[in-house]
Amino acid sequence: MKNITYYSDMKSAVDDCALVIEAVLEIMEIKIKVFKELDSLCSSETILATNTSTMSPTEIGAQTSRPDKVIAMHFFNPVHKMKLIEIVRGLETSEETVEYVRAIGAKMKKETVEVNEFPGFITSRMNCLIGNEAMNMLMEGVASAEDIDKSIKLGLNHPMGPLALADLVGLDTRLRNMEYLHHTLGEKYRPCPLLTKYVKAGKLGVKTGSGFFDY
């Protein structure tokens, strides 16, 4: 905690930064608003990274004067335990930007993979499908939430069950991801009706104390 400094205004927070990583809600309008502000406040040499799990760094970068310095750095929950960063280059992201971010990842003792931009990248495309199918099985009464997650952990060797992982990420965030992938990649990503119902009920997972499990 001693290594973290908090600011209440954006200008002070980004002054003299070589790299800024945004981690706001998965809503494109909010991300674009933040990046436009960052673009006006940061040095022209500053790299601007988004922690989006599904959205387009090309679209975000196009709203700035530095699309060559805009990139996605997708961290995974829980960030202090998960080793992977997906590095996603937009259409105009420069090789220098990619290499800088890759080196930063190594300093963080993370492993990195490079992804050419496509909705959902690598992991979110797979993870959203697995999680959505688990929700469909729960809705259909195939098994309990506990037994679905136990089966995936012990049968497929996943470190967490897909329902517990969705609770950790936040069911509202997962629903926004599914809606974006459904819009961009088609019918197989249609959100499970049970997910939509839980979000409407305010059962958002760990952060509200109740989702597919109680906390």
C-alpha atoms as a PDB file:
ATOM      1  CA  MET A   1       0.000   0.000   0.000  1.00  0.00           C
ATOM      2  CA  LYS A   2       2.962   2.311   0.594  1.00  0.00           C
ATOM      3  CA  ASN A   3       3.720   2.095  -3.140  1.00  0.00           C
ATOM      4  CA  ILE A   4       0.288   3.420  -4.124  1.00  0.00           C
ATOM      5  CA  THR A   5      -0.428   7.143  -4.397  1.00  0.00           C
ATOM      6  CA  TYR A   6      -4.018   8.327  -4.746  1.00  0.00           C
ATOM      7  CA  TYR A   7      -5.211  11.406  -6.645  1.00  0.00           C
ATOM      8  CA  SER A   8      -8.618  13.028  -6.850  1.00  0.00           C
ATOM      9  CA  ASP A   9      -7.982  14.728 -10.200  1.00  0.00           C
ATOM     10  CA  MET A  10      -6.826  13.258 -13.487  1.00  0.00           C
ATOM     11  CA  LYS A  11      -4.219  15.916 -14.277  1.00  0.00           C
ATOM     12  CA  SER A  12      -2.183  15.245 -11.135  1.00  0.00           C
ATOM     13  CA  ALA A  13      -2.525  11.491 -11.556  1.00  0.00           C
ATOM     14  CA  VAL A  14      -1.045  11.348 -15.062  1.00  0.00           C
ATOM     15  CA  ASP A  15       1.567  14.108 -14.813  1.00  0.00           C
ATOM     16  CA  ASP A  16       4.942  12.852 -16.109  1.00  0.00           C
ATOM     17  CA  CYS A  17       3.653   9.298 -16.697  1.00  0.00           C
ATOM     18  CA  ALA A  18       5.243   7.221 -19.468  1.00  0.00           C
ATOM     19  CA  LEU A  19       2.357   4.727 -19.390  1.00  0.00           C
ATOM     20  CA  VAL A  20      -1.255   5.134 -18.259  1.00  0.00           C
ATOM     21  CA  ILE A  21      -3.511   2.059 -17.863  1.00  0.00           C
ATOM     22  CA  GLU A  22      -7.273   2.669 -17.841  1.00  0.00           C
ATOM     23  CA  ALA A  23      -9.546   0.240 -15.982  1.00  0.00           C
ATOM     24  CA  VAL A  24     -13.028   1.801 -16.040  1.00  0.00           C
ATOM     25  CA  LEU A  25     -16.299   0.009 -16.805  1.00  0.00           C
ATOM     26  CA  GLU A  26     -16.677  -1.987 -20.033  1.00  0.00           C
ATOM     27  CA  ILE A  27     -18.741   0.766 -21.655  1.00  0.00           C
ATOM     28  CA  MET A  28     -17.211   2.201 -24.822  1.00  0.00           C
ATOM     29  CA  GLU A  29     -18.597   5.713 -24.289  1.00  0.00           C
ATOM     30  CA  ILE A  30     -16.945   5.936 -20.867  1.00  0.00           C
ATOM     31  CA  LYS A  31     -13.632   4.613 -22.157  1.00  0.00           C
ATOM     32  CA  ILE A  32     -13.605   7.095 -25.048  1.00  0.00           C
ATOM     33  CA  LYS A  33     -14.370   9.969 -22.651  1.00  0.00           C
ATOM     34  CA  VAL A  34     -11.439   8.931 -20.432  1.00  0.00           C
ATOM     35  CA  PHE A  35      -9.034   8.533 -23.355  1.00  0.00           C
ATOM     36  CA  LYS A  36      -9.937  11.929 -24.814  1.00  0.00           C
ATOM     37  CA  GLU A  37      -9.171  13.477 -21.439  1.00  0.00           C
ATOM     38  CA  LEU A  38      -5.920  11.529 -21.107  1.00  0.00           C
ATOM     39  CA  ASP A  39      -4.920  12.584 -24.624  1.00  0.00           C
ATOM     40  CA  SER A  40      -5.292  16.241 -23.690  1.00  0.00           C
ATOM     41  CA  LEU A  41      -3.429  15.924 -20.371  1.00  0.00           C
ATOM     42  CA  CYS A  42      -0.537  13.552 -21.090  1.00  0.00           C
ATOM     43  CA  SER A  43       2.743  14.173 -22.860  1.00  0.00           C
ATOM     44  CA  SER A  44       2.671  13.322 -26.559  1.00  0.00           C
ATOM     45  CA  GLU A  45       5.087  10.467 -25.777  1.00  0.00           C
ATOM     46  CA  THR A  46       2.847   8.820 -23.164  1.00  0.00           C
ATOM     47  CA  ILE A  47       1.460   5.379 -24.029  1.00  0.00           C
ATOM     48  CA  LEU A  48      -2.240   4.944 -23.247  1.00  0.00           C
ATOM     49  CA  ALA A  49      -3.375   1.397 -22.484  1.00  0.00           C
ATOM     50  CA  THR A  50      -6.866   0.031 -21.899  1.00  0.00           C
ATOM     51  CA  ASN A  51      -7.539  -2.962 -19.646  1.00  0.00           C
ATOM     52  CA  THR A  52     -10.583  -3.915 -21.710  1.00  0.00           C
ATOM     53  CA  SER A  53     -11.362  -7.623 -21.995  1.00  0.00           C
ATOM     54  CA  THR A  54     -13.363  -7.382 -25.229  1.00  0.00           C
ATOM     55  CA  MET A  55     -13.409  -3.912 -26.787  1.00  0.00           C
ATOM     56  CA  SER A  56     -11.511  -2.368 -29.676  1.00  0.00           C
ATOM     57  CA  PRO A  57      -8.249  -0.482 -28.997  1.00  0.00           C
ATOM     58  CA  THR A  58      -8.507   0.705 -32.609  1.00  0.00           C
ATOM     59  CA  GLU A  59     -11.821   2.434 -31.919  1.00  0.00           C
ATOM     60  CA  ILE A  60     -10.500   3.905 -28.672  1.00  0.00           C
ATOM     61  CA  GLY A  61      -7.224   5.041 -30.249  1.00  0.00           C
ATOM     62  CA  ALA A  62      -9.036   6.724 -33.144  1.00  0.00           C
ATOM     63  CA  GLN A  63     -10.513   9.202 -30.658  1.00  0.00           C
ATOM     64  CA  THR A  64      -7.015  10.414 -29.723  1.00  0.00           C
ATOM     65  CA  SER A  65      -4.194  12.230 -31.491  1.00  0.00           C
ATOM     66  CA  ARG A  66      -1.871   9.239 -30.853  1.00  0.00           C
ATOM     67  CA  PRO A  67      -3.434   6.000 -32.173  1.00  0.00           C
ATOM     68  CA  ASP A  68       0.087   4.594 -32.609  1.00  0.00           C
ATOM     69  CA  LYS A  69       0.532   4.817 -28.815  1.00  0.00           C
ATOM     70  CA  VAL A  70      -2.815   3.228 -27.837  1.00  0.00           C
ATOM     71  CA  ILE A  71      -2.904  -0.465 -26.954  1.00  0.00           C
ATOM     72  CA  ALA A  72      -4.855  -2.954 -24.832  1.00  0.00           C
ATOM     73  CA  MET A  73      -3.266  -4.587 -21.771  1.00  0.00           C
ATOM     74  CA  HIS A  74      -5.816  -7.132 -20.561  1.00  0.00           C
ATOM     75  CA  PHE A  75      -5.040  -8.217 -16.990  1.00  0.00           C
ATOM     76  CA  PHE A  76      -6.871 -11.137 -15.366  1.00  0.00           C
ATOM     77  CA  ASN A  77      -8.707 -11.509 -12.066  1.00  0.00           C
ATOM     78  CA  PRO A  78      -7.317 -11.753  -9.454  1.00  0.00           C
ATOM     79  CA  VAL A  79      -4.512  -9.620 -10.906  1.00  0.00           C
ATOM     80  CA  HIS A  80      -2.000 -10.264  -8.106  1.00  0.00           C
ATOM     81  CA  LYS A  81      -2.243 -14.030  -8.724  1.00  0.00           C
ATOM     82  CA  MET A  82      -2.838 -14.399 -12.468  1.00  0.00           C
ATOM     83  CA  LYS A  83       0.325 -14.333 -14.571  1.00  0.00           C
ATOM     84  CA  LEU A  84      -1.057 -13.445 -18.010  1.00  0.00           C
ATOM     85  CA  ILE A  85      -1.410 -10.118 -19.807  1.00  0.00           C
ATOM     86  CA  GLU A  86      -2.994 -10.134 -23.266  1.00  0.00           C
ATOM     87  CA  ILE A  87      -1.311  -7.409 -25.325  1.00  0.00           C
ATOM     88  CA  VAL A  88      -3.692  -6.381 -28.080  1.00  0.00           C
ATOM     89  CA  ARG A  89      -2.489  -4.131 -30.874  1.00  0.00           C
ATOM     90  CA  GLY A  90      -4.923  -1.869 -32.674  1.00  0.00           C
ATOM     91  CA  LEU A  91      -4.779  -1.124 -36.380  1.00  0.00           C
ATOM     92  CA  GLU A  92      -2.280   1.722 -35.912  1.00  0.00           C
ATOM     93  CA  THR A  93      -0.452   0.586 -32.764  1.00  0.00           C
ATOM     94  CA  SER A  94       3.283   0.880 -33.390  1.00  0.00           C
ATOM     95  CA  GLU A  95       5.846  -1.859 -32.885  1.00  0.00           C
ATOM     96  CA  GLU A  96       7.626   0.415 -30.407  1.00  0.00           C
ATOM     97  CA  THR A  97       4.472   0.614 -28.290  1.00  0.00           C
ATOM     98  CA  VAL A  98       4.066  -3.175 -28.314  1.00  0.00           C
ATOM     99  CA  GLU A  99       7.683  -3.739 -27.279  1.00  0.00           C
ATOM    100  CA  TYR A 100       7.488  -1.140 -24.501  1.00  0.00           C
ATOM    101  CA  VAL A 101       4.367  -2.733 -23.039  1.00  0.00           C
ATOM    102  CA  ARG A 102       5.866  -6.218 -23.354  1.00  0.00           C
ATOM    103  CA  ALA A 103       8.908  -5.031 -21.346  1.00  0.00           C
ATOM    104  CA  ILE A 104       6.642  -3.483 -18.698  1.00  0.00           C
ATOM    105  CA  GLY A 105       4.820  -6.808 -18.414  1.00  0.00           C
ATOM    106  CA  ALA A 106       8.126  -8.584 -17.815  1.00  0.00           C
ATOM    107  CA  LYS A 107       9.016  -6.066 -15.076  1.00  0.00           C
ATOM    108  CA  MET A 108       5.672  -6.924 -13.447  1.00  0.00           C
ATOM    109  CA  LYS A 109       6.771 -10.608 -13.588  1.00  0.00           C
ATOM    110  CA  LYS A 110       3.885 -11.385 -15.945  1.00  0.00           C
ATOM    111  CA  GLU A 111       3.762 -13.574 -19.027  1.00  0.00           C
ATOM    112  CA  THR A 112       2.474 -11.834 -22.161  1.00  0.00           C
ATOM    113  CA  VAL A 113       0.832 -12.933 -25.392  1.00  0.00           C
ATOM    114  CA  GLU A 114       0.381 -10.732 -28.443  1.00  0.00           C
ATOM    115  CA  VAL A 115      -3.049 -10.637 -30.048  1.00  0.00           C
ATOM    116  CA  ASN A 116      -4.187  -9.016 -33.278  1.00  0.00           C
ATOM    117  CA  GLU A 117      -7.372  -7.140 -32.469  1.00  0.00           C
ATOM    118  CA  PHE A 118     -10.609  -9.065 -32.866  1.00  0.00           C
ATOM    119  CA  PRO A 119     -13.646  -8.859 -30.548  1.00  0.00           C
ATOM    120  CA  GLY A 120     -13.036 -10.783 -27.339  1.00  0.00           C
ATOM    121  CA  PHE A 121      -9.329 -11.348 -28.127  1.00  0.00           C
ATOM    122  CA  ILE A 122      -8.328 -14.931 -27.132  1.00  0.00           C
ATOM    123  CA  THR A 123      -9.351 -15.547 -23.553  1.00  0.00           C
ATOM    124  CA  SER A 124     -12.636 -13.645 -23.325  1.00  0.00           C
ATOM    125  CA  ARG A 125     -14.021 -15.386 -26.414  1.00  0.00           C
ATOM    126  CA  MET A 126     -13.379 -18.773 -24.809  1.00  0.00           C
ATOM    127  CA  ASN A 127     -14.162 -17.798 -21.229  1.00  0.00           C
ATOM    128  CA  CYS A 128     -17.484 -16.146 -22.057  1.00  0.00           C
ATOM    129  CA  LEU A 129     -18.624 -19.231 -23.972  1.00  0.00           C
ATOM    130  CA  ILE A 130     -17.709 -21.575 -21.108  1.00  0.00           C
ATOM    131  CA  GLY A 131     -19.315 -19.338 -18.492  1.00  0.00           C
ATOM    132  CA  ASN A 132     -22.464 -18.799 -20.532  1.00  0.00           C
ATOM    133  CA  GLU A 133     -22.897 -22.542 -21.072  1.00  0.00           C
ATOM    134  CA  ALA A 134     -22.448 -23.151 -17.341  1.00  0.00           C
ATOM    135  CA  MET A 135     -25.217 -20.613 -16.699  1.00  0.00           C
ATOM    136  CA  ASN A 136     -27.458 -22.306 -19.265  1.00  0.00           C
ATOM    137  CA  MET A 137     -26.878 -25.679 -17.567  1.00  0.00           C
ATOM    138  CA  LEU A 138     -27.762 -24.180 -14.188  1.00  0.00           C
ATOM    139  CA  MET A 139     -30.921 -22.614 -15.651  1.00  0.00           C
ATOM    140  CA  GLU A 140     -31.893 -25.946 -17.247  1.00  0.00           C
ATOM    141  CA  GLY A 141     -31.419 -27.823 -13.962  1.00  0.00           C
ATOM    142  CA  VAL A 142     -28.607 -30.020 -15.252  1.00  0.00           C
ATOM    143  CA  ALA A 143     -26.753 -29.709 -11.932  1.00  0.00           C
ATOM    144  CA  SER A 144     -26.266 -27.358  -8.993  1.00  0.00           C
ATOM    145  CA  ALA A 145     -23.921 -24.377  -9.231  1.00  0.00           C
ATOM    146  CA  GLU A 146     -21.577 -26.155  -6.814  1.00  0.00           C
ATOM    147  CA  ASP A 147     -21.445 -29.344  -8.893  1.00  0.00           C
ATOM    148  CA  ILE A 148     -21.063 -27.510 -12.222  1.00  0.00           C
ATOM    149  CA  ASP A 149     -18.055 -25.605 -10.884  1.00  0.00           C
ATOM    150  CA  LYS A 150     -16.606 -28.700  -9.190  1.00  0.00           C
ATOM    151  CA  SER A 151     -16.866 -30.633 -12.458  1.00  0.00           C
ATOM    152  CA  ILE A 152     -14.971 -27.975 -14.407  1.00  0.00           C
ATOM    153  CA  LYS A 153     -12.288 -27.617 -11.729  1.00  0.00           C
ATOM    154  CA  LEU A 154     -11.656 -31.331 -11.246  1.00  0.00           C
ATOM    155  CA  GLY A 155     -12.613 -32.633 -14.685  1.00  0.00           C
ATOM    156  CA  LEU A 156     -11.018 -29.946 -16.884  1.00  0.00           C
ATOM    157  CA  ASN A 157      -8.391 -28.727 -14.388  1.00  0.00           C
ATOM    158  CA  HIS A 158      -9.543 -25.102 -14.312  1.00  0.00           C
ATOM    159  CA  PRO A 159      -8.331 -23.240 -11.204  1.00  0.00           C
ATOM    160  CA  MET A 160     -11.808 -21.751 -10.652  1.00  0.00           C
ATOM    161  CA  GLY A 161     -15.276 -22.821 -11.688  1.00  0.00           C
ATOM    162  CA  PRO A 162     -16.909 -20.647 -14.383  1.00  0.00           C
ATOM    163  CA  LEU A 163     -19.774 -19.527 -12.129  1.00  0.00           C
ATOM    164  CA  ALA A 164     -17.478 -18.492  -9.273  1.00  0.00           C
ATOM    165  CA  LEU A 165     -15.265 -16.684 -11.778  1.00  0.00           C
ATOM    166  CA  ALA A 166     -18.249 -14.782 -13.170  1.00  0.00           C
ATOM    167  CA  ASP A 167     -19.176 -13.792  -9.609  1.00  0.00           C
ATOM    168  CA  LEU A 168     -15.616 -12.531  -9.054  1.00  0.00           C
ATOM    169  CA  VAL A 169     -15.553 -10.501 -12.277  1.00  0.00           C
ATOM    170  CA  GLY A 170     -19.045  -9.119 -11.587  1.00  0.00           C
ATOM    171  CA  LEU A 171     -22.179 -10.354 -13.318  1.00  0.00           C
ATOM    172  CA  ASP A 172     -22.945  -6.864 -14.653  1.00  0.00           C
ATOM    173  CA  THR A 173     -19.489  -6.746 -16.243  1.00  0.00           C
ATOM    174  CA  ARG A 174     -19.927 -10.246 -17.654  1.00  0.00           C
ATOM    175  CA  LEU A 175     -23.323  -9.276 -19.105  1.00  0.00           C
ATOM    176  CA  ARG A 176     -21.811  -6.219 -20.827  1.00  0.00           C
ATOM    177  CA  ASN A 177     -19.061  -8.439 -22.254  1.00  0.00           C
ATOM    178  CA  MET A 178     -21.604 -10.955 -23.531  1.00  0.00           C
ATOM    179  CA  GLU A 179     -23.760  -8.238 -25.077  1.00  0.00           C
ATOM    180  CA  TYR A 180     -20.737  -6.785 -26.886  1.00  0.00           C
ATOM    181  CA  LEU A 181     -19.650 -10.208 -28.179  1.00  0.00           C
ATOM    182  CA  HIS A 182     -23.223 -11.061 -29.166  1.00  0.00           C
ATOM    183  CA  HIS A 183     -23.372  -7.809 -31.152  1.00  0.00           C
ATOM    184  CA  THR A 184     -19.975  -8.310 -32.826  1.00  0.00           C
ATOM    185  CA  LEU A 185     -19.626 -12.099 -33.161  1.00  0.00           C
ATOM    186  CA  GLY A 186     -23.185 -13.364 -33.413  1.00  0.00           C
ATOM    187  CA  GLU A 187     -25.783 -15.664 -31.944  1.00  0.00           C
ATOM    188  CA  LYS A 188     -23.547 -18.117 -30.087  1.00  0.00           C
ATOM    189  CA  TYR A 189     -22.718 -15.312 -27.625  1.00  0.00           C
ATOM    190  CA  ARG A 190     -26.343 -14.482 -26.718  1.00  0.00           C
ATOM    191  CA  PRO A 191     -26.318 -13.937 -22.928  1.00  0.00           C
ATOM    192  CA  CYS A 192     -28.005 -16.607 -20.833  1.00  0.00           C
ATOM    193  CA  PRO A 193     -31.422 -15.328 -19.609  1.00  0.00           C
ATOM    194  CA  LEU A 194     -30.449 -16.299 -16.054  1.00  0.00           C
ATOM    195  CA  LEU A 195     -27.479 -13.905 -16.185  1.00  0.00           C
ATOM    196  CA  THR A 196     -29.755 -11.072 -17.293  1.00  0.00           C
ATOM    197  CA  LYS A 197     -32.240 -11.906 -14.515  1.00  0.00           C
ATOM    198  CA  TYR A 198     -29.531 -11.901 -11.813  1.00  0.00           C
ATOM    199  CA  VAL A 199     -28.222  -8.523 -12.959  1.00  0.00           C
ATOM    200  CA  LYS A 200     -31.740  -7.043 -12.932  1.00  0.00           C
ATOM    201  CA  ALA A 201     -32.156  -8.374  -9.387  1.00  0.00           C
ATOM    202  CA  GLY A 202     -28.920  -6.687  -8.273  1.00  0.00           C
ATOM    203  CA  LYS A 203     -27.204 -10.045  -7.659  1.00  0.00           C
ATOM    204  CA  LEU A 204     -23.861  -9.040  -9.139  1.00  0.00           C
ATOM    205  CA  GLY A 205     -21.548 -11.531  -7.430  1.00  0.00           C
ATOM    206  CA  VAL A 206     -18.821 -10.974  -4.860  1.00  0.00           C
ATOM    207  CA  LYS A 207     -19.181  -7.181  -4.791  1.00  0.00           C
ATOM    208  CA  THR A 208     -22.841  -7.359  -3.693  1.00  0.00           C
ATOM    209  CA  GLY A 209     -22.486 -10.489  -1.560  1.00  0.00           C
ATOM    210  CA  SER A 210     -24.702 -12.617  -3.773  1.00  0.00           C
ATOM    211  CA  GLY A 211     -24.562 -14.017  -7.288  1.00  0.00           C
ATOM    212  CA  PHE A 212     -24.455 -17.659  -8.298  1.00  0.00           C
ATOM    213  CA  PHE A 213     -23.043 -18.164  -4.806  1.00  0.00           C
ATOM    214  CA  ASP A 214     -23.398 -16.221  -1.533  1.00  0.00           C
ATOM    215  CA  TYR A 215     -20.442 -14.339  -0.043  1.00  0.00           C
END
